[in-house]
Amino acid sequence: MRAVVQRVARAQVSVDGTVCAKIGKGVVVLLGVETSDTTEDAEFIARKVSNLRIFEDDGGKLNLSVKEVSGSVLLVSQFTLLGDARKGNRPSFTLSAHPDVAEPLFQTIRAFIQSEGLAVETGVFGATMEVELVNEGPVTIILDSKRPL
């Protein structure tokens, strides 16, 4: 499972011109689910998102999590994160999980983050979405459950 986490001042997702999710201060998480991912991968990503210290404390150090700053999470499915473009110019998406597998794991992440006391908004799974965000910092972190740090 792969996630791109961006610290934002605000963000929103629209489908067919209608805003379906919107947050203020917090993080946007673009999430790609791999064919071999399990509930353990989902919990790893969710725990990292909830506790990642990417917000500044009073001393200006990246020392606070989204929970500690009372931020929100905007979770967006994005199978293209697993695109493999090493060979040729057209990415292969064979590692991306089928929606029947990916959506339940996406919902597992949402539920876990909510259980941490965070407000979670989501895009529409499988839809073509417009994601607008103001990346603050900019701060962008890539998480991969197959390559935990």
N, C-alpha and C. Protein backbone atom coordinates (compact mmCIF):
# COMPACT_ATOMS: atom_id res chain seq x y z
N MET A 1 0.86 -1.16 0.00
CA MET A 1 0.00 0.00 0.00
C MET A 1 0.90 1.23 0.00
N ARG A 2 0.54 2.17 -0.81
CA ARG A 2 1.35 3.37 -0.94
C ARG A 2 0.47 4.59 -0.69
N ALA A 3 1.04 5.55 0.04
CA ALA A 3 0.30 6.78 0.33
C ALA A 3 1.22 7.98 0.19
N VAL A 4 0.67 9.02 -0.39
CA VAL A 4 1.34 10.31 -0.43
C VAL A 4 0.58 11.20 0.54
N VAL A 5 1.29 11.69 1.56
CA VAL A 5 0.67 12.50 2.60
C VAL A 5 1.17 13.93 2.44
N GLN A 6 0.23 14.85 2.29
CA GLN A 6 0.59 16.26 2.12
C GLN A 6 -0.05 17.08 3.22
N ARG A 7 0.77 17.88 3.90
CA ARG A 7 0.25 18.80 4.91
C ARG A 7 -0.40 19.96 4.18
N VAL A 8 -1.65 20.28 4.55
CA VAL A 8 -2.38 21.31 3.83
C VAL A 8 -2.99 22.35 4.75
N ALA A 9 -3.15 23.55 4.19
CA ALA A 9 -3.90 24.60 4.87
C ALA A 9 -5.39 24.38 4.64
N ARG A 10 -5.72 23.83 3.44
CA ARG A 10 -7.10 23.50 3.10
C ARG A 10 -7.08 22.64 1.84
N ALA A 11 -8.16 21.87 1.65
CA ALA A 11 -8.25 21.01 0.47
C ALA A 11 -9.71 20.63 0.24
N GLN A 12 -9.99 20.28 -1.01
CA GLN A 12 -11.32 19.79 -1.33
C GLN A 12 -11.28 18.87 -2.54
N VAL A 13 -12.31 18.03 -2.64
CA VAL A 13 -12.46 17.12 -3.76
C VAL A 13 -13.82 17.39 -4.40
N SER A 14 -13.82 17.45 -5.73
CA SER A 14 -15.07 17.62 -6.49
C SER A 14 -15.23 16.48 -7.46
N VAL A 15 -16.47 16.10 -7.68
CA VAL A 15 -16.83 15.11 -8.70
C VAL A 15 -17.93 15.74 -9.54
N ASP A 16 -17.72 15.78 -10.84
CA ASP A 16 -18.68 16.39 -11.77
C ASP A 16 -19.04 17.82 -11.36
N GLY A 17 -18.04 18.56 -10.90
CA GLY A 17 -18.24 19.96 -10.55
C GLY A 17 -18.86 20.23 -9.19
N THR A 18 -19.16 19.18 -8.44
CA THR A 18 -19.76 19.34 -7.12
C THR A 18 -18.77 18.94 -6.04
N VAL A 19 -18.55 19.82 -5.07
CA VAL A 19 -17.64 19.53 -3.96
C VAL A 19 -18.27 18.42 -3.11
N CYS A 20 -17.53 17.34 -2.92
CA CYS A 20 -18.05 16.22 -2.13
C CYS A 20 -17.31 16.04 -0.81
N ALA A 21 -16.16 16.70 -0.66
CA ALA A 21 -15.38 16.62 0.57
C ALA A 21 -14.51 17.85 0.68
N LYS A 22 -14.36 18.33 1.92
CA LYS A 22 -13.62 19.57 2.13
C LYS A 22 -13.04 19.57 3.54
N ILE A 23 -11.77 19.98 3.67
CA ILE A 23 -11.16 20.12 5.00
C ILE A 23 -10.42 21.45 5.08
N GLY A 24 -10.16 21.87 6.30
CA GLY A 24 -9.27 23.00 6.56
C GLY A 24 -7.90 22.43 6.84
N LYS A 25 -7.25 22.92 7.88
CA LYS A 25 -5.90 22.46 8.26
C LYS A 25 -5.90 20.95 8.48
N GLY A 26 -4.90 20.30 7.90
CA GLY A 26 -4.79 18.86 8.08
C GLY A 26 -3.89 18.22 7.06
N VAL A 27 -4.27 17.00 6.64
CA VAL A 27 -3.48 16.28 5.65
C VAL A 27 -4.38 15.71 4.56
N VAL A 28 -3.86 15.72 3.35
CA VAL A 28 -4.47 15.01 2.24
C VAL A 28 -3.67 13.73 2.07
N VAL A 29 -4.37 12.61 1.98
CA VAL A 29 -3.73 11.32 1.79
C VAL A 29 -4.22 10.73 0.47
N LEU A 30 -3.31 10.63 -0.49
CA LEU A 30 -3.59 9.96 -1.75
C LEU A 30 -3.17 8.51 -1.55
N LEU A 31 -4.09 7.56 -1.77
CA LEU A 31 -3.85 6.18 -1.38
C LEU A 31 -3.98 5.22 -2.55
N GLY A 32 -2.95 4.40 -2.74
CA GLY A 32 -2.98 3.33 -3.74
C GLY A 32 -2.92 1.99 -3.04
N VAL A 33 -3.85 1.10 -3.36
CA VAL A 33 -3.91 -0.23 -2.75
C VAL A 33 -3.37 -1.26 -3.74
N GLU A 34 -2.44 -2.06 -3.26
CA GLU A 34 -1.78 -3.08 -4.08
C GLU A 34 -2.52 -4.42 -3.96
N THR A 35 -2.38 -5.26 -4.97
CA THR A 35 -3.08 -6.55 -4.99
C THR A 35 -2.80 -7.41 -3.77
N SER A 36 -1.59 -7.33 -3.23
CA SER A 36 -1.21 -8.18 -2.09
C SER A 36 -1.46 -7.54 -0.73
N ASP A 37 -2.08 -6.37 -0.69
CA ASP A 37 -2.29 -5.67 0.58
C ASP A 37 -3.32 -6.37 1.45
N THR A 38 -3.12 -6.20 2.77
CA THR A 38 -3.97 -6.83 3.77
C THR A 38 -4.43 -5.77 4.78
N THR A 39 -5.22 -6.21 5.73
CA THR A 39 -5.66 -5.33 6.81
C THR A 39 -4.46 -4.78 7.58
N GLU A 40 -3.41 -5.57 7.71
CA GLU A 40 -2.20 -5.11 8.42
C GLU A 40 -1.56 -3.93 7.69
N ASP A 41 -1.55 -3.98 6.35
CA ASP A 41 -1.02 -2.85 5.57
C ASP A 41 -1.88 -1.61 5.81
N ALA A 42 -3.18 -1.79 5.82
CA ALA A 42 -4.11 -0.67 6.03
C ALA A 42 -3.89 -0.05 7.40
N GLU A 43 -3.74 -0.88 8.42
CA GLU A 43 -3.53 -0.37 9.77
C GLU A 43 -2.18 0.34 9.89
N PHE A 44 -1.15 -0.18 9.22
CA PHE A 44 0.16 0.48 9.22
C PHE A 44 0.04 1.89 8.65
N ILE A 45 -0.59 2.02 7.47
CA ILE A 45 -0.73 3.33 6.83
C ILE A 45 -1.58 4.26 7.71
N ALA A 46 -2.69 3.75 8.22
CA ALA A 46 -3.57 4.58 9.05
C ALA A 46 -2.87 5.08 10.31
N ARG A 47 -2.11 4.20 10.95
CA ARG A 47 -1.38 4.58 12.17
C ARG A 47 -0.34 5.65 11.85
N LYS A 48 0.37 5.47 10.73
CA LYS A 48 1.37 6.47 10.33
C LYS A 48 0.72 7.81 10.03
N VAL A 49 -0.36 7.80 9.27
CA VAL A 49 -1.05 9.05 8.93
C VAL A 49 -1.49 9.77 10.20
N SER A 50 -2.05 9.04 11.13
CA SER A 50 -2.58 9.64 12.37
C SER A 50 -1.49 10.21 13.27
N ASN A 51 -0.30 9.61 13.21
CA ASN A 51 0.75 9.97 14.18
C ASN A 51 1.98 10.63 13.57
N LEU A 52 2.00 10.79 12.26
CA LEU A 52 3.14 11.40 11.58
C LEU A 52 3.33 12.83 12.09
N ARG A 53 4.53 13.13 12.56
CA ARG A 53 4.80 14.45 13.14
C ARG A 53 5.31 15.39 12.05
N ILE A 54 4.37 16.04 11.36
CA ILE A 54 4.72 16.92 10.24
C ILE A 54 4.17 18.33 10.40
N PHE A 55 3.71 18.64 11.61
CA PHE A 55 3.26 20.01 11.90
C PHE A 55 4.22 20.64 12.89
N GLU A 56 4.41 21.93 12.75
CA GLU A 56 5.40 22.64 13.58
C GLU A 56 4.89 22.89 15.00
N ASP A 57 5.82 22.73 15.95
CA ASP A 57 5.53 23.08 17.34
C ASP A 57 5.87 24.56 17.53
N ASP A 58 5.80 25.03 18.76
CA ASP A 58 6.09 26.45 19.04
C ASP A 58 7.52 26.84 18.70
N GLY A 59 8.41 25.87 18.67
CA GLY A 59 9.80 26.13 18.33
C GLY A 59 10.10 26.03 16.84
N GLY A 60 9.08 25.77 16.04
CA GLY A 60 9.28 25.68 14.60
C GLY A 60 9.74 24.32 14.10
N LYS A 61 9.80 23.32 14.99
CA LYS A 61 10.22 21.98 14.58
C LYS A 61 9.00 21.15 14.17
N LEU A 62 9.19 20.27 13.19
CA LEU A 62 8.13 19.34 12.80
C LEU A 62 8.02 18.30 13.90
N ASN A 63 7.13 18.55 14.85
CA ASN A 63 7.08 17.75 16.05
C ASN A 63 5.66 17.38 16.47
N LEU A 64 4.64 17.81 15.70
CA LEU A 64 3.26 17.56 16.08
C LEU A 64 2.53 16.78 14.99
N SER A 65 1.62 15.92 15.42
CA SER A 65 0.82 15.14 14.48
C SER A 65 -0.47 15.89 14.13
N VAL A 66 -1.17 15.39 13.14
CA VAL A 66 -2.45 15.98 12.75
C VAL A 66 -3.43 15.92 13.93
N LYS A 67 -3.33 14.89 14.76
CA LYS A 67 -4.19 14.80 15.95
C LYS A 67 -3.88 15.94 16.91
N GLU A 68 -2.60 16.21 17.10
CA GLU A 68 -2.19 17.21 18.09
C GLU A 68 -2.51 18.64 17.67
N VAL A 69 -2.74 18.86 16.39
CA VAL A 69 -3.11 20.21 15.93
C VAL A 69 -4.59 20.30 15.62
N SER A 70 -5.35 19.27 16.01
CA SER A 70 -6.80 19.21 15.76
C SER A 70 -7.12 19.39 14.28
N GLY A 71 -6.31 18.75 13.45
CA GLY A 71 -6.52 18.82 12.01
C GLY A 71 -7.46 17.74 11.52
N SER A 72 -7.70 17.73 10.23
CA SER A 72 -8.57 16.76 9.58
C SER A 72 -7.79 16.00 8.52
N VAL A 73 -8.40 14.93 8.03
CA VAL A 73 -7.79 14.11 7.00
C VAL A 73 -8.73 14.04 5.80
N LEU A 74 -8.18 14.27 4.62
CA LEU A 74 -8.91 14.07 3.37
C LEU A 74 -8.27 12.87 2.69
N LEU A 75 -8.99 11.76 2.62
CA LEU A 75 -8.50 10.50 2.09
C LEU A 75 -9.05 10.30 0.69
N VAL A 76 -8.14 10.11 -0.28
CA VAL A 76 -8.52 10.01 -1.69
C VAL A 76 -7.89 8.76 -2.31
N SER A 77 -8.71 7.91 -2.90
CA SER A 77 -8.17 6.73 -3.56
C SER A 77 -7.48 7.14 -4.85
N GLN A 78 -6.32 6.53 -5.11
CA GLN A 78 -5.57 6.88 -6.32
C GLN A 78 -4.73 5.68 -6.75
N PHE A 79 -5.33 4.81 -7.56
CA PHE A 79 -4.65 3.59 -7.98
C PHE A 79 -3.39 3.88 -8.79
N THR A 80 -3.30 5.06 -9.39
CA THR A 80 -2.14 5.38 -10.23
C THR A 80 -0.84 5.51 -9.42
N LEU A 81 -0.93 5.59 -8.11
CA LEU A 81 0.29 5.63 -7.29
C LEU A 81 1.10 4.35 -7.44
N LEU A 82 0.45 3.29 -7.87
CA LEU A 82 1.14 2.02 -8.05
C LEU A 82 1.55 1.76 -9.49
N GLY A 83 1.46 2.78 -10.32
CA GLY A 83 1.87 2.66 -11.71
C GLY A 83 3.36 2.41 -11.82
N ASP A 84 3.72 1.47 -12.68
CA ASP A 84 5.12 1.13 -12.90
C ASP A 84 5.51 1.62 -14.29
N ALA A 85 6.36 2.64 -14.34
CA ALA A 85 6.77 3.23 -15.62
C ALA A 85 8.25 2.96 -15.92
N ARG A 86 8.81 1.93 -15.31
CA ARG A 86 10.22 1.63 -15.54
C ARG A 86 10.47 1.15 -16.96
N LYS A 87 9.49 0.50 -17.56
CA LYS A 87 9.65 -0.06 -18.90
C LYS A 87 8.67 0.66 -19.83
N GLY A 88 9.19 1.29 -20.85
CA GLY A 88 8.32 2.00 -21.79
C GLY A 88 7.82 3.32 -21.21
N ASN A 89 6.87 3.91 -21.90
CA ASN A 89 6.35 5.20 -21.48
C ASN A 89 4.91 5.15 -20.98
N ARG A 90 4.28 3.99 -21.10
CA ARG A 90 2.91 3.83 -20.62
C ARG A 90 2.97 3.04 -19.32
N PRO A 91 2.54 3.63 -18.21
CA PRO A 91 2.62 2.92 -16.93
C PRO A 91 1.76 1.66 -16.92
N SER A 92 2.25 0.67 -16.23
CA SER A 92 1.50 -0.56 -16.00
C SER A 92 0.86 -0.47 -14.62
N PHE A 93 -0.38 -0.88 -14.52
CA PHE A 93 -1.09 -0.81 -13.24
C PHE A 93 -1.43 -2.20 -12.72
N THR A 94 -0.64 -3.20 -13.10
CA THR A 94 -0.93 -4.57 -12.70
C THR A 94 -0.81 -4.78 -11.19
N LEU A 95 -0.08 -3.93 -10.49
CA LEU A 95 0.04 -4.05 -9.03
C LEU A 95 -1.16 -3.46 -8.29
N SER A 96 -1.96 -2.65 -8.98
CA SER A 96 -3.11 -2.01 -8.34
C SER A 96 -4.21 -3.04 -8.09
N ALA A 97 -4.75 -3.02 -6.88
CA ALA A 97 -5.81 -3.96 -6.52
C ALA A 97 -7.11 -3.63 -7.24
N HIS A 98 -7.87 -4.66 -7.52
CA HIS A 98 -9.20 -4.51 -8.10
C HIS A 98 -10.07 -3.77 -7.07
N PRO A 99 -11.02 -2.96 -7.52
CA PRO A 99 -11.87 -2.22 -6.59
C PRO A 99 -12.54 -3.08 -5.52
N ASP A 100 -12.87 -4.33 -5.83
CA ASP A 100 -13.49 -5.22 -4.83
C ASP A 100 -12.57 -5.49 -3.65
N VAL A 101 -11.27 -5.41 -3.88
CA VAL A 101 -10.28 -5.59 -2.82
C VAL A 101 -9.88 -4.25 -2.23
N ALA A 102 -9.69 -3.26 -3.10
CA ALA A 102 -9.17 -1.96 -2.66
C ALA A 102 -10.15 -1.17 -1.81
N GLU A 103 -11.42 -1.16 -2.19
CA GLU A 103 -12.37 -0.31 -1.45
C GLU A 103 -12.56 -0.74 0.01
N PRO A 104 -12.69 -2.03 0.32
CA PRO A 104 -12.78 -2.40 1.74
C PRO A 104 -11.54 -1.99 2.55
N LEU A 105 -10.35 -2.10 1.95
CA LEU A 105 -9.14 -1.68 2.66
C LEU A 105 -9.11 -0.16 2.82
N PHE A 106 -9.57 0.56 1.82
CA PHE A 106 -9.71 2.02 1.90
C PHE A 106 -10.63 2.38 3.07
N GLN A 107 -11.75 1.68 3.19
CA GLN A 107 -12.69 1.94 4.29
C GLN A 107 -12.12 1.55 5.64
N THR A 108 -11.27 0.52 5.67
CA THR A 108 -10.58 0.13 6.90
C THR A 108 -9.68 1.25 7.39
N ILE A 109 -8.95 1.86 6.46
CA ILE A 109 -8.09 2.99 6.82
C ILE A 109 -8.92 4.14 7.35
N ARG A 110 -10.00 4.45 6.66
CA ARG A 110 -10.89 5.53 7.11
C ARG A 110 -11.38 5.27 8.54
N ALA A 111 -11.86 4.06 8.80
CA ALA A 111 -12.39 3.73 10.13
C ALA A 111 -11.30 3.81 11.20
N PHE A 112 -10.11 3.32 10.87
CA PHE A 112 -9.02 3.36 11.85
C PHE A 112 -8.64 4.80 12.19
N ILE A 113 -8.53 5.65 11.18
CA ILE A 113 -8.17 7.05 11.42
C ILE A 113 -9.26 7.73 12.24
N GLN A 114 -10.52 7.44 11.93
CA GLN A 114 -11.63 8.01 12.71
C GLN A 114 -11.58 7.53 14.16
N SER A 115 -11.19 6.28 14.37
CA SER A 115 -11.11 5.75 15.74
C SER A 115 -10.02 6.44 16.55
N GLU A 116 -9.09 7.10 15.85
CA GLU A 116 -8.04 7.88 16.51
C GLU A 116 -8.55 9.27 16.90
N GLY A 117 -9.83 9.55 16.63
CA GLY A 117 -10.42 10.82 17.01
C GLY A 117 -10.31 11.90 15.95
N LEU A 118 -9.93 11.52 14.74
CA LEU A 118 -9.76 12.50 13.67
C LEU A 118 -10.99 12.54 12.76
N ALA A 119 -11.30 13.75 12.28
CA ALA A 119 -12.34 13.91 11.27
C ALA A 119 -11.76 13.48 9.93
N VAL A 120 -12.49 12.62 9.21
CA VAL A 120 -12.01 12.11 7.92
C VAL A 120 -13.08 12.38 6.86
N GLU A 121 -12.65 13.03 5.79
CA GLU A 121 -13.48 13.21 4.61
C GLU A 121 -12.86 12.35 3.51
N THR A 122 -13.68 11.94 2.56
CA THR A 122 -13.14 11.13 1.46
C THR A 122 -13.66 11.62 0.13
N GLY A 123 -12.90 11.28 -0.90
CA GLY A 123 -13.39 11.47 -2.25
C GLY A 123 -14.38 10.36 -2.53
N VAL A 124 -14.76 10.21 -3.79
CA VAL A 124 -15.68 9.15 -4.19
C VAL A 124 -14.84 8.04 -4.80
N PHE A 125 -14.84 6.88 -4.16
CA PHE A 125 -14.00 5.78 -4.60
C PHE A 125 -14.31 5.43 -6.04
N GLY A 126 -13.27 5.36 -6.88
CA GLY A 126 -13.42 4.96 -8.27
C GLY A 126 -13.87 6.05 -9.22
N ALA A 127 -14.21 7.21 -8.70
CA ALA A 127 -14.68 8.31 -9.57
C ALA A 127 -13.50 9.10 -10.10
N THR A 128 -13.75 9.84 -11.17
CA THR A 128 -12.79 10.82 -11.65
C THR A 128 -12.99 12.06 -10.79
N MET A 129 -11.95 12.46 -10.08
CA MET A 129 -12.07 13.54 -9.10
C MET A 129 -11.14 14.69 -9.43
N GLU A 130 -11.53 15.86 -9.00
CA GLU A 130 -10.65 17.03 -9.02
C GLU A 130 -10.26 17.30 -7.58
N VAL A 131 -8.96 17.24 -7.31
CA VAL A 131 -8.45 17.47 -5.96
C VAL A 131 -7.75 18.82 -5.95
N GLU A 132 -8.24 19.72 -5.11
CA GLU A 132 -7.61 21.02 -4.96
C GLU A 132 -7.03 21.09 -3.55
N LEU A 133 -5.79 21.57 -3.46
CA LEU A 133 -5.20 21.68 -2.12
C LEU A 133 -4.17 22.80 -2.09
N VAL A 134 -3.97 23.30 -0.89
CA VAL A 134 -2.91 24.26 -0.64
C VAL A 134 -1.92 23.54 0.27
N ASN A 135 -0.83 23.06 -0.34
CA ASN A 135 0.21 22.32 0.38
C ASN A 135 0.98 23.32 1.23
N GLU A 136 1.00 23.07 2.52
CA GLU A 136 1.61 24.00 3.46
C GLU A 136 3.03 23.56 3.76
N GLY A 137 3.97 24.40 3.45
CA GLY A 137 5.37 24.10 3.72
C GLY A 137 6.25 24.33 2.50
N PRO A 138 6.17 23.54 1.47
CA PRO A 138 5.38 22.32 1.32
C PRO A 138 5.96 21.16 2.12
N VAL A 139 5.06 20.34 2.63
CA VAL A 139 5.46 19.11 3.33
C VAL A 139 4.74 17.96 2.64
N THR A 140 5.52 17.03 2.08
CA THR A 140 4.97 15.86 1.42
C THR A 140 5.81 14.65 1.82
N ILE A 141 5.12 13.60 2.30
CA ILE A 141 5.78 12.38 2.75
C ILE A 141 5.19 11.21 2.00
N ILE A 142 6.04 10.27 1.57
CA ILE A 142 5.57 9.06 0.90
C ILE A 142 5.69 7.90 1.88
N LEU A 143 4.58 7.17 2.05
CA LEU A 143 4.56 5.99 2.91
C LEU A 143 4.33 4.76 2.05
N ASP A 144 4.99 3.66 2.40
CA ASP A 144 4.81 2.42 1.68
C ASP A 144 4.81 1.28 2.70
N SER A 145 3.70 0.57 2.81
CA SER A 145 3.60 -0.49 3.81
C SER A 145 4.51 -1.67 3.53
N LYS A 146 4.98 -1.78 2.29
CA LYS A 146 5.90 -2.87 1.94
C LYS A 146 7.34 -2.50 2.26
N ARG A 147 7.57 -1.24 2.51
CA ARG A 147 8.92 -0.76 2.83
C ARG A 147 8.86 0.11 4.09
N PRO A 148 8.36 -0.44 5.21
CA PRO A 148 8.26 0.38 6.43
C PRO A 148 9.63 0.82 6.92
N LEU A 149 9.66 2.01 7.47
CA LEU A 149 10.93 2.56 7.96
C LEU A 149 11.25 2.04 9.34
